[in-house]
Amino acid sequence: MLHHLSFEVRPGEKVGVLGRTGSGKSTLALSFFRFVEPVEGRILIDGLDIAKMGLTDLRSKLTIIPRECGHRAVPRLPRAPPRSVPHVA
C-alpha cells in the first residue's frame, strides 16, 4: 500500500522504480494503468486525471519496459572489522 506519494516526471525523463519486495513497485505500475484505483488522491499525466480517461485510451499511451533480472551475483568485498583496516595518512 502506498501512502503520501507525490512526484513529477518531466518530458523526456526516464524513470526507474526500485525497492524491496512488498514496497509498492507493482502497485505503482498497476495504478498508472488503472488496474488498481487510488482510494484517495489522484494521478495526473500531462495534467489530465487518469480516472477521467477511457481505459483503452489511457493504456494505449503508456508503456512499461521490464528489466530482465538475471540472477547474477554481484561481487562484493568482505567487510573488515574496524580495527583491522590499516590507517593511511
Protein backbone atom coordinates (compact mmCIF):
# COMPACT_ATOMS: atom_id res chain seq x y z
CA MET A 1 0.00 0.00 0.00
CA LEU A 2 1.37 3.43 -0.92
CA HIS A 3 0.83 6.47 1.27
CA HIS A 4 1.51 10.17 0.66
CA LEU A 5 3.30 9.63 -2.63
CA SER A 6 3.97 12.60 -4.86
CA PHE A 7 6.46 13.00 -7.68
CA GLU A 8 6.85 14.68 -11.03
CA VAL A 9 8.46 13.32 -14.18
CA ARG A 10 9.34 15.94 -16.77
CA PRO A 11 9.03 15.31 -20.52
CA GLY A 12 11.93 13.24 -21.83
CA GLU A 13 12.96 11.93 -18.41
CA LYS A 14 13.27 8.21 -17.84
CA VAL A 15 12.31 6.74 -14.50
CA GLY A 16 13.32 3.51 -12.82
CA VAL A 17 11.36 2.17 -9.86
CA LEU A 18 13.41 0.22 -7.34
CA GLY A 19 12.61 -1.16 -3.95
CA ARG A 20 12.43 -4.15 -1.69
CA THR A 21 9.84 -6.87 -2.03
CA GLY A 22 6.48 -5.52 -0.93
CA SER A 23 7.47 -1.85 -1.14
CA GLY A 24 4.78 -0.95 -3.70
CA LYS A 25 6.57 -1.05 -7.07
CA SER A 26 3.92 -3.22 -8.71
CA THR A 27 1.09 -1.28 -7.09
CA LEU A 28 2.52 1.93 -8.52
CA ALA A 29 2.78 0.45 -12.01
CA LEU A 30 -0.72 -1.06 -11.82
CA SER A 31 -2.06 2.32 -10.69
CA PHE A 32 -0.84 4.06 -13.85
CA PHE A 33 -2.83 1.58 -15.94
CA ARG A 34 -5.83 1.75 -13.56
CA PHE A 35 -5.74 -1.91 -12.65
CA VAL A 36 -5.62 -0.51 -9.11
CA GLU A 37 -7.60 2.65 -8.33
CA PRO A 38 -6.45 5.13 -5.66
CA VAL A 39 -8.58 5.23 -2.51
CA GLU A 40 -7.82 8.93 -2.19
CA GLY A 41 -5.89 11.46 -4.22
CA ARG A 42 -5.43 11.33 -7.96
CA ILE A 43 -2.93 10.50 -10.67
CA LEU A 44 -2.25 13.17 -13.27
CA ILE A 45 -0.49 12.52 -16.55
CA ASP A 46 0.19 15.63 -18.63
CA GLY A 47 -2.21 17.46 -16.33
CA LEU A 48 -5.06 15.02 -17.01
CA ASP A 49 -6.69 12.99 -14.24
CA ILE A 50 -6.37 9.40 -15.45
CA ALA A 51 -9.58 8.42 -13.60
CA LYS A 52 -11.48 10.52 -16.17
CA MET A 53 -9.82 8.91 -19.20
CA GLY A 54 -11.14 5.86 -21.02
CA LEU A 55 -9.16 2.74 -20.21
CA THR A 56 -8.36 1.93 -23.83
CA ASP A 57 -7.14 5.47 -24.50
CA LEU A 58 -5.07 5.58 -21.31
CA ARG A 59 -3.47 2.16 -21.73
CA SER A 60 -2.64 2.76 -25.39
CA LYS A 61 -0.47 5.74 -24.40
CA LEU A 62 1.59 4.04 -21.66
CA THR A 63 4.39 1.51 -21.87
CA ILE A 64 6.31 -0.48 -19.29
CA ILE A 65 9.69 -1.83 -20.29
CA PRO A 66 10.52 -4.59 -17.84
CA ARG A 67 14.10 -5.11 -16.81
CA GLU A 68 15.22 -8.66 -17.27
CA CYS A 69 16.57 -9.68 -13.94
CA GLY A 70 19.28 -12.27 -14.16
CA HIS A 71 20.39 -14.00 -11.04
CA ARG A 72 23.96 -12.85 -11.35
CA ALA A 73 25.96 -12.49 -8.21
CA VAL A 74 27.24 -9.01 -7.51
CA PRO A 75 30.89 -9.14 -6.50
CA ARG A 76 31.46 -7.64 -3.08
CA LEU A 77 34.46 -7.44 -0.80
CA PRO A 78 34.00 -8.86 2.67
CA ARG A 79 33.59 -6.22 5.33
CA ALA A 80 36.67 -5.97 7.50
CA PRO A 81 36.33 -5.45 11.23
CA PRO A 82 37.05 -1.78 12.03
CA ARG A 83 40.35 -2.45 13.87
CA SER A 84 41.87 -4.48 11.05
CA VAL A 85 41.62 -1.66 8.50
CA PRO A 86 45.07 -0.07 8.16
CA HIS A 87 45.33 3.65 8.79
CA VAL A 88 46.50 5.59 5.74
CA ALA A 89 47.94 9.06 6.33
